[in-house]
């Protein structure tokens, strides 16, 4: 059975490190998306990881 986990990343500079850490732990990046809630605020980045079959 597949496991799924969604991780919110506050700053884009952290995305690469987070992906590396999760992949070392056996997870695979499935989807990446970003959203800005209101003008002038920082953008949230979301990484959806999957693991298993």
N, C-alpha and C. Protein backbone atom coordinates (compact mmCIF):
# COMPACT_ATOMS: atom_id res chain seq x y z
N UNK A 1 0.84 -1.18 0.00
CA UNK A 1 0.00 0.00 0.00
C UNK A 1 0.89 1.25 0.00
N UNK A 2 0.51 2.22 -0.81
CA UNK A 2 1.28 3.46 -0.88
C UNK A 2 0.99 4.35 0.31
N UNK A 3 2.04 5.04 0.72
CA UNK A 3 1.91 6.08 1.74
C UNK A 3 2.14 7.41 1.04
N UNK A 4 1.44 8.43 1.48
CA UNK A 4 1.56 9.77 0.90
C UNK A 4 1.81 10.76 2.02
N UNK A 5 2.62 11.78 1.76
CA UNK A 5 2.84 12.83 2.74
C UNK A 5 3.07 14.15 2.00
N UNK A 6 2.38 15.18 2.44
CA UNK A 6 2.51 16.51 1.84
C UNK A 6 3.31 17.39 2.79
N UNK A 7 4.33 18.04 2.26
CA UNK A 7 5.21 18.88 3.06
C UNK A 7 5.13 20.31 2.54
N UNK A 8 4.87 21.25 3.44
CA UNK A 8 4.85 22.66 3.06
C UNK A 8 6.24 23.25 3.31
N UNK A 9 6.79 23.91 2.30
CA UNK A 9 8.10 24.55 2.40
C UNK A 9 7.88 26.05 2.32
N UNK A 10 8.35 26.78 3.32
CA UNK A 10 8.11 28.21 3.35
C UNK A 10 8.94 29.00 2.35
N UNK A 11 10.20 28.66 2.18
CA UNK A 11 11.07 29.44 1.30
C UNK A 11 11.67 28.54 0.23
N UNK A 12 11.67 29.02 -1.00
CA UNK A 12 12.11 28.20 -2.13
C UNK A 12 13.55 27.71 -2.01
N UNK A 13 14.39 28.41 -1.27
CA UNK A 13 15.79 27.98 -1.12
C UNK A 13 15.91 26.64 -0.39
N UNK A 14 14.89 26.23 0.34
CA UNK A 14 14.92 25.00 1.12
C UNK A 14 14.43 23.78 0.35
N UNK A 15 13.86 23.97 -0.82
CA UNK A 15 13.21 22.87 -1.55
C UNK A 15 14.18 21.75 -1.88
N UNK A 16 15.33 22.06 -2.44
CA UNK A 16 16.30 21.04 -2.83
C UNK A 16 16.74 20.18 -1.66
N UNK A 17 17.03 20.81 -0.53
CA UNK A 17 17.48 20.09 0.67
C UNK A 17 16.38 19.16 1.18
N UNK A 18 15.16 19.64 1.19
CA UNK A 18 14.05 18.82 1.68
C UNK A 18 13.83 17.61 0.77
N UNK A 19 13.89 17.81 -0.54
CA UNK A 19 13.73 16.69 -1.47
C UNK A 19 14.83 15.66 -1.24
N UNK A 20 16.07 16.12 -1.11
CA UNK A 20 17.19 15.19 -0.86
C UNK A 20 16.97 14.39 0.41
N UNK A 21 16.58 15.06 1.49
CA UNK A 21 16.37 14.38 2.77
C UNK A 21 15.28 13.32 2.67
N UNK A 22 14.18 13.65 2.02
CA UNK A 22 13.07 12.71 1.90
C UNK A 22 13.44 11.53 1.00
N UNK A 23 14.18 11.80 -0.08
CA UNK A 23 14.59 10.71 -0.97
C UNK A 23 15.57 9.77 -0.28
N UNK A 24 16.44 10.30 0.56
CA UNK A 24 17.35 9.45 1.35
C UNK A 24 16.58 8.55 2.30
N UNK A 25 15.41 9.01 2.73
CA UNK A 25 14.57 8.24 3.65
C UNK A 25 13.65 7.27 2.91
N UNK A 26 13.80 7.16 1.58
CA UNK A 26 13.03 6.19 0.81
C UNK A 26 11.77 6.72 0.15
N UNK A 27 11.52 8.01 0.22
CA UNK A 27 10.35 8.61 -0.40
C UNK A 27 10.70 9.10 -1.79
N UNK A 28 9.67 9.25 -2.64
CA UNK A 28 9.85 9.75 -4.00
C UNK A 28 8.93 10.95 -4.20
N UNK A 29 9.49 12.01 -4.80
CA UNK A 29 8.69 13.20 -5.06
C UNK A 29 7.67 12.89 -6.15
N UNK A 30 6.40 13.13 -5.86
CA UNK A 30 5.32 12.86 -6.81
C UNK A 30 4.88 14.16 -7.49
N UNK A 31 4.66 15.22 -6.70
CA UNK A 31 4.13 16.46 -7.23
C UNK A 31 4.74 17.65 -6.48
N UNK A 32 4.96 18.72 -7.21
CA UNK A 32 5.42 19.98 -6.62
C UNK A 32 4.49 21.08 -7.10
N UNK A 33 4.03 21.92 -6.18
CA UNK A 33 3.21 23.06 -6.56
C UNK A 33 3.50 24.23 -5.63
N UNK A 34 3.11 25.41 -6.03
CA UNK A 34 3.32 26.61 -5.22
C UNK A 34 2.05 27.44 -5.25
N UNK A 35 1.83 28.18 -4.16
CA UNK A 35 0.64 29.04 -4.07
C UNK A 35 0.98 30.30 -3.29
N UNK A 36 0.48 31.42 -3.78
CA UNK A 36 0.61 32.69 -3.08
C UNK A 36 -0.78 33.09 -2.64
N UNK A 37 -0.97 33.23 -1.34
CA UNK A 37 -2.31 33.49 -0.83
C UNK A 37 -2.80 34.91 -1.13
N UNK A 38 -1.94 35.90 -0.89
CA UNK A 38 -2.30 37.30 -1.17
C UNK A 38 -1.07 38.02 -1.69
N UNK A 39 -1.29 39.04 -2.46
CA UNK A 39 -0.16 39.82 -3.00
C UNK A 39 0.70 40.35 -1.87
N UNK A 40 2.01 40.26 -2.06
CA UNK A 40 2.94 40.80 -1.07
C UNK A 40 3.39 39.80 -0.03
N UNK A 41 2.69 38.70 0.09
CA UNK A 41 3.08 37.68 1.07
C UNK A 41 3.97 36.65 0.41
N UNK A 42 4.72 35.93 1.23
CA UNK A 42 5.60 34.92 0.64
C UNK A 42 4.81 33.78 0.04
N UNK A 43 5.45 33.08 -0.86
CA UNK A 43 4.83 31.97 -1.57
C UNK A 43 5.10 30.68 -0.81
N UNK A 44 4.07 29.88 -0.62
CA UNK A 44 4.23 28.56 0.00
C UNK A 44 4.43 27.53 -1.10
N UNK A 45 5.35 26.62 -0.86
CA UNK A 45 5.66 25.56 -1.80
C UNK A 45 5.24 24.24 -1.16
N UNK A 46 4.59 23.38 -1.93
CA UNK A 46 4.09 22.12 -1.41
C UNK A 46 4.70 20.96 -2.19
N UNK A 47 5.23 19.99 -1.47
CA UNK A 47 5.84 18.81 -2.06
C UNK A 47 5.04 17.60 -1.62
N UNK A 48 4.55 16.83 -2.57
CA UNK A 48 3.81 15.61 -2.26
C UNK A 48 4.73 14.42 -2.54
N UNK A 49 5.00 13.66 -1.48
CA UNK A 49 5.88 12.50 -1.59
C UNK A 49 5.07 11.22 -1.50
N UNK A 50 5.59 10.16 -2.14
CA UNK A 50 4.96 8.84 -2.06
C UNK A 50 6.01 7.81 -1.71
N UNK A 51 5.54 6.72 -1.08
CA UNK A 51 6.43 5.63 -0.67
C UNK A 51 5.63 4.34 -0.70
N UNK A 52 6.24 3.28 -1.18
CA UNK A 52 5.57 1.98 -1.20
C UNK A 52 4.94 1.68 -2.54
N UNK A 53 4.11 0.63 -2.53
CA UNK A 53 3.50 0.17 -3.78
C UNK A 53 2.03 0.40 -3.81
